[in-house]
N, C-alpha and C. Protein backbone atom coordinates (compact mmCIF):
# COMPACT_ATOMS: atom_id res chain seq x y z
N MET A 1 98.01 102.66 114.97
CA MET A 1 98.28 102.09 116.28
C MET A 1 97.49 102.82 117.37
N ILE A 2 97.67 104.10 117.48
CA ILE A 2 96.96 104.89 118.48
C ILE A 2 95.89 105.70 117.76
N PRO A 3 94.62 105.40 118.05
CA PRO A 3 93.55 106.15 117.39
C PRO A 3 93.66 107.65 117.69
N ASN A 4 93.56 108.45 116.67
CA ASN A 4 93.54 109.91 116.82
C ASN A 4 94.83 110.49 117.39
N LEU A 5 95.96 109.83 117.21
CA LEU A 5 97.23 110.36 117.73
C LEU A 5 97.49 111.76 117.18
N LYS A 6 97.38 111.92 115.89
CA LYS A 6 97.63 113.22 115.25
C LYS A 6 96.63 114.26 115.74
N THR A 7 95.36 113.88 115.84
CA THR A 7 94.32 114.81 116.28
C THR A 7 94.54 115.24 117.72
N ARG A 8 94.86 114.30 118.58
CA ARG A 8 95.00 114.60 120.00
C ARG A 8 96.29 115.33 120.34
N THR A 9 97.36 115.03 119.64
CA THR A 9 98.67 115.55 120.04
C THR A 9 99.31 116.46 119.00
N ASN A 10 98.74 116.54 117.80
CA ASN A 10 99.35 117.27 116.69
C ASN A 10 100.76 116.74 116.39
N TYR A 11 100.94 115.44 116.57
CA TYR A 11 102.23 114.79 116.37
C TYR A 11 102.09 113.65 115.37
N ASP A 12 102.93 113.65 114.37
CA ASP A 12 102.99 112.54 113.41
C ASP A 12 104.20 111.69 113.76
N ALA A 13 103.97 110.48 114.19
CA ALA A 13 105.08 109.58 114.52
C ALA A 13 105.78 109.15 113.24
N HIS A 14 107.09 109.02 113.32
CA HIS A 14 107.88 108.52 112.19
C HIS A 14 107.61 107.03 112.04
N PRO A 15 107.71 106.51 110.83
CA PRO A 15 107.48 105.07 110.62
C PRO A 15 108.35 104.18 111.51
N TRP A 16 109.61 104.56 111.74
CA TRP A 16 110.47 103.72 112.58
C TRP A 16 109.98 103.72 114.03
N GLN A 17 109.39 104.83 114.49
CA GLN A 17 108.85 104.87 115.85
C GLN A 17 107.68 103.91 115.99
N LEU A 18 106.82 103.87 114.98
CA LEU A 18 105.68 102.96 115.00
C LEU A 18 106.15 101.51 114.90
N ASP A 19 107.19 101.26 114.11
CA ASP A 19 107.74 99.90 114.00
C ASP A 19 108.28 99.42 115.34
N VAL A 20 109.01 100.28 116.04
CA VAL A 20 109.56 99.91 117.35
C VAL A 20 108.44 99.71 118.36
N ALA A 21 107.45 100.59 118.37
CA ALA A 21 106.32 100.46 119.29
C ALA A 21 105.58 99.15 119.05
N GLU A 22 105.38 98.80 117.78
CA GLU A 22 104.71 97.54 117.45
C GLU A 22 105.54 96.34 117.92
N ALA A 23 106.84 96.41 117.71
CA ALA A 23 107.71 95.32 118.16
C ALA A 23 107.63 95.16 119.67
N LEU A 24 107.59 96.27 120.40
CA LEU A 24 107.48 96.19 121.86
C LEU A 24 106.16 95.55 122.27
N LEU A 25 105.08 95.89 121.57
CA LEU A 25 103.79 95.27 121.86
C LEU A 25 103.82 93.76 121.63
N LEU A 26 104.63 93.34 120.67
CA LEU A 26 104.77 91.92 120.36
C LEU A 26 105.83 91.25 121.23
N ARG A 27 106.36 92.00 122.20
CA ARG A 27 107.38 91.52 123.14
C ARG A 27 108.68 91.12 122.45
N VAL A 28 109.01 91.86 121.40
CA VAL A 28 110.28 91.66 120.70
C VAL A 28 111.30 92.61 121.31
N ASP A 29 112.47 92.09 121.68
CA ASP A 29 113.53 92.94 122.20
C ASP A 29 113.95 93.93 121.13
N CYS A 30 114.20 95.17 121.53
CA CYS A 30 114.54 96.22 120.57
C CYS A 30 115.78 96.98 121.03
N LEU A 31 116.55 97.40 120.08
CA LEU A 31 117.68 98.29 120.32
C LEU A 31 117.54 99.43 119.32
N VAL A 32 117.44 100.64 119.84
CA VAL A 32 117.29 101.81 118.98
C VAL A 32 118.52 102.69 119.16
N ILE A 33 119.18 102.97 118.07
CA ILE A 33 120.32 103.88 118.08
C ILE A 33 119.94 105.07 117.21
N ALA A 34 119.80 106.21 117.84
CA ALA A 34 119.39 107.41 117.12
C ALA A 34 119.95 108.63 117.85
N GLY A 35 120.07 109.70 117.14
CA GLY A 35 120.66 110.91 117.70
C GLY A 35 119.79 111.60 118.73
N THR A 36 120.39 112.56 119.41
CA THR A 36 119.69 113.36 120.40
C THR A 36 118.53 114.10 119.74
N GLY A 37 117.38 114.03 120.39
CA GLY A 37 116.22 114.74 119.89
C GLY A 37 115.51 114.08 118.72
N SER A 38 115.86 112.84 118.43
CA SER A 38 115.26 112.16 117.28
C SER A 38 113.93 111.49 117.59
N GLY A 39 113.57 111.41 118.87
CA GLY A 39 112.27 110.85 119.23
C GLY A 39 112.31 109.44 119.77
N LYS A 40 113.36 109.09 120.49
CA LYS A 40 113.48 107.72 121.02
C LYS A 40 112.48 107.45 122.14
N THR A 41 111.99 108.46 122.81
CA THR A 41 111.02 108.27 123.89
C THR A 41 109.68 107.80 123.36
N THR A 42 109.28 108.28 122.22
CA THR A 42 107.96 108.00 121.65
C THR A 42 107.65 106.51 121.50
N PRO A 43 108.56 105.69 120.96
CA PRO A 43 108.20 104.28 120.73
C PRO A 43 107.80 103.51 121.99
N PHE A 44 108.43 103.78 123.13
CA PHE A 44 108.02 103.02 124.32
C PHE A 44 106.85 103.68 125.02
N LEU A 45 106.56 104.92 124.68
CA LEU A 45 105.42 105.60 125.28
C LEU A 45 104.11 105.22 124.58
N LEU A 46 104.14 105.06 123.28
CA LEU A 46 102.92 104.77 122.51
C LEU A 46 102.17 103.53 123.00
N PRO A 47 102.84 102.39 123.23
CA PRO A 47 102.10 101.21 123.70
C PRO A 47 101.38 101.43 125.03
N LEU A 48 101.92 102.30 125.88
CA LEU A 48 101.28 102.55 127.18
C LEU A 48 99.96 103.30 127.03
N LEU A 49 99.74 103.93 125.88
CA LEU A 49 98.51 104.69 125.67
C LEU A 49 97.34 103.82 125.23
N LEU A 50 97.61 102.59 124.85
CA LEU A 50 96.54 101.69 124.41
C LEU A 50 95.69 101.24 125.59
N LEU A 51 94.38 101.17 125.39
CA LEU A 51 93.47 100.80 126.47
C LEU A 51 93.80 99.44 127.07
N GLU A 52 94.22 98.48 126.24
CA GLU A 52 94.51 97.15 126.78
C GLU A 52 95.75 97.15 127.67
N ASN A 53 96.50 98.23 127.67
CA ASN A 53 97.67 98.34 128.54
C ASN A 53 97.41 99.21 129.76
N LYS A 54 96.14 99.56 129.98
CA LYS A 54 95.79 100.40 131.14
C LYS A 54 96.27 99.72 132.42
N GLY A 55 96.93 100.48 133.25
CA GLY A 55 97.44 99.95 134.51
C GLY A 55 98.87 99.44 134.41
N LYS A 56 99.41 99.34 133.22
CA LYS A 56 100.80 98.93 133.06
C LYS A 56 101.68 100.16 133.13
N PHE A 57 102.95 99.96 133.35
CA PHE A 57 103.85 101.10 133.49
C PHE A 57 105.19 100.79 132.84
N ALA A 58 105.98 101.83 132.69
CA ALA A 58 107.34 101.69 132.18
C ALA A 58 108.28 102.35 133.16
N LEU A 59 109.42 101.76 133.38
CA LEU A 59 110.47 102.35 134.19
C LEU A 59 111.47 102.97 133.24
N ILE A 60 111.66 104.27 133.35
CA ILE A 60 112.54 105.00 132.45
C ILE A 60 113.76 105.46 133.24
N VAL A 61 114.92 105.08 132.78
CA VAL A 61 116.17 105.49 133.42
C VAL A 61 116.88 106.44 132.47
N SER A 62 117.13 107.66 132.94
CA SER A 62 117.77 108.68 132.10
C SER A 62 119.03 109.18 132.80
N PRO A 63 120.12 109.32 132.06
CA PRO A 63 121.38 109.74 132.67
C PRO A 63 121.49 111.24 132.93
N LEU A 64 120.65 112.05 132.33
CA LEU A 64 120.78 113.50 132.45
C LEU A 64 119.51 114.11 133.03
N LEU A 65 119.67 115.06 133.95
CA LEU A 65 118.51 115.73 134.54
C LEU A 65 117.70 116.47 133.48
N SER A 66 118.37 117.08 132.52
CA SER A 66 117.63 117.80 131.47
C SER A 66 116.79 116.84 130.63
N LEU A 67 117.31 115.66 130.35
CA LEU A 67 116.56 114.66 129.60
C LEU A 67 115.39 114.15 130.44
N GLN A 68 115.61 113.95 131.72
CA GLN A 68 114.53 113.52 132.61
C GLN A 68 113.40 114.54 132.62
N ALA A 69 113.76 115.81 132.71
CA ALA A 69 112.75 116.87 132.74
C ALA A 69 111.95 116.89 131.44
N GLU A 70 112.62 116.73 130.31
CA GLU A 70 111.93 116.72 129.01
C GLU A 70 111.01 115.51 128.89
N GLN A 71 111.46 114.35 129.37
CA GLN A 71 110.62 113.15 129.30
C GLN A 71 109.40 113.29 130.20
N VAL A 72 109.57 113.84 131.39
CA VAL A 72 108.43 114.06 132.28
C VAL A 72 107.43 115.01 131.63
N ARG A 73 107.93 116.07 131.00
CA ARG A 73 107.05 117.03 130.33
C ARG A 73 106.28 116.34 129.20
N LEU A 74 106.97 115.58 128.38
CA LEU A 74 106.34 114.89 127.25
C LEU A 74 105.31 113.87 127.72
N ILE A 75 105.70 113.05 128.67
CA ILE A 75 104.81 112.01 129.17
C ILE A 75 103.59 112.62 129.86
N SER A 76 103.80 113.67 130.64
CA SER A 76 102.68 114.34 131.31
C SER A 76 101.71 114.93 130.29
N MET A 77 102.24 115.57 129.25
CA MET A 77 101.40 116.17 128.23
C MET A 77 100.58 115.11 127.49
N ILE A 78 101.24 114.07 127.05
CA ILE A 78 100.54 113.03 126.29
C ILE A 78 99.54 112.29 127.18
N SER A 79 99.92 112.02 128.43
CA SER A 79 99.00 111.35 129.35
C SER A 79 97.76 112.20 129.58
N TYR A 80 97.96 113.49 129.74
CA TYR A 80 96.82 114.38 129.95
C TYR A 80 95.91 114.40 128.72
N LEU A 81 96.51 114.46 127.53
CA LEU A 81 95.71 114.51 126.30
C LEU A 81 94.88 113.24 126.11
N PHE A 82 95.40 112.10 126.57
CA PHE A 82 94.69 110.84 126.38
C PHE A 82 93.81 110.47 127.57
N ASN A 83 94.24 110.81 128.78
CA ASN A 83 93.56 110.32 129.97
C ASN A 83 92.97 111.41 130.85
N GLY A 84 93.32 112.65 130.61
CA GLY A 84 92.85 113.74 131.45
C GLY A 84 93.71 113.96 132.68
N SER A 85 94.73 113.12 132.87
CA SER A 85 95.67 113.30 133.98
C SER A 85 96.97 112.60 133.64
N ALA A 86 98.00 112.91 134.41
CA ALA A 86 99.30 112.28 134.19
C ALA A 86 99.38 110.92 134.86
N GLY A 87 98.45 110.61 135.73
CA GLY A 87 98.41 109.28 136.35
C GLY A 87 99.34 109.10 137.53
N TRP A 88 99.90 110.19 138.05
CA TRP A 88 100.70 110.08 139.27
C TRP A 88 100.41 111.20 140.20
């Protein structure tokens, strides 16, 4: 899905994360139920890294400040690795 994901981020996405990301690209509604720290942020972040989605955005609503901080850190890191900036 994402060329050089492992090389750029040293991260191997789980198969279910790639399945959800692909479903989102196909505009299929998704519901993911998974435990804390299982990687639920990754599936909606991956499609935004594709060149054909340049200029698109996602609105992320998080109930906890600690979760918000972790998501900002993750998104900033991945955005920088792919684009050279966080884009904001």
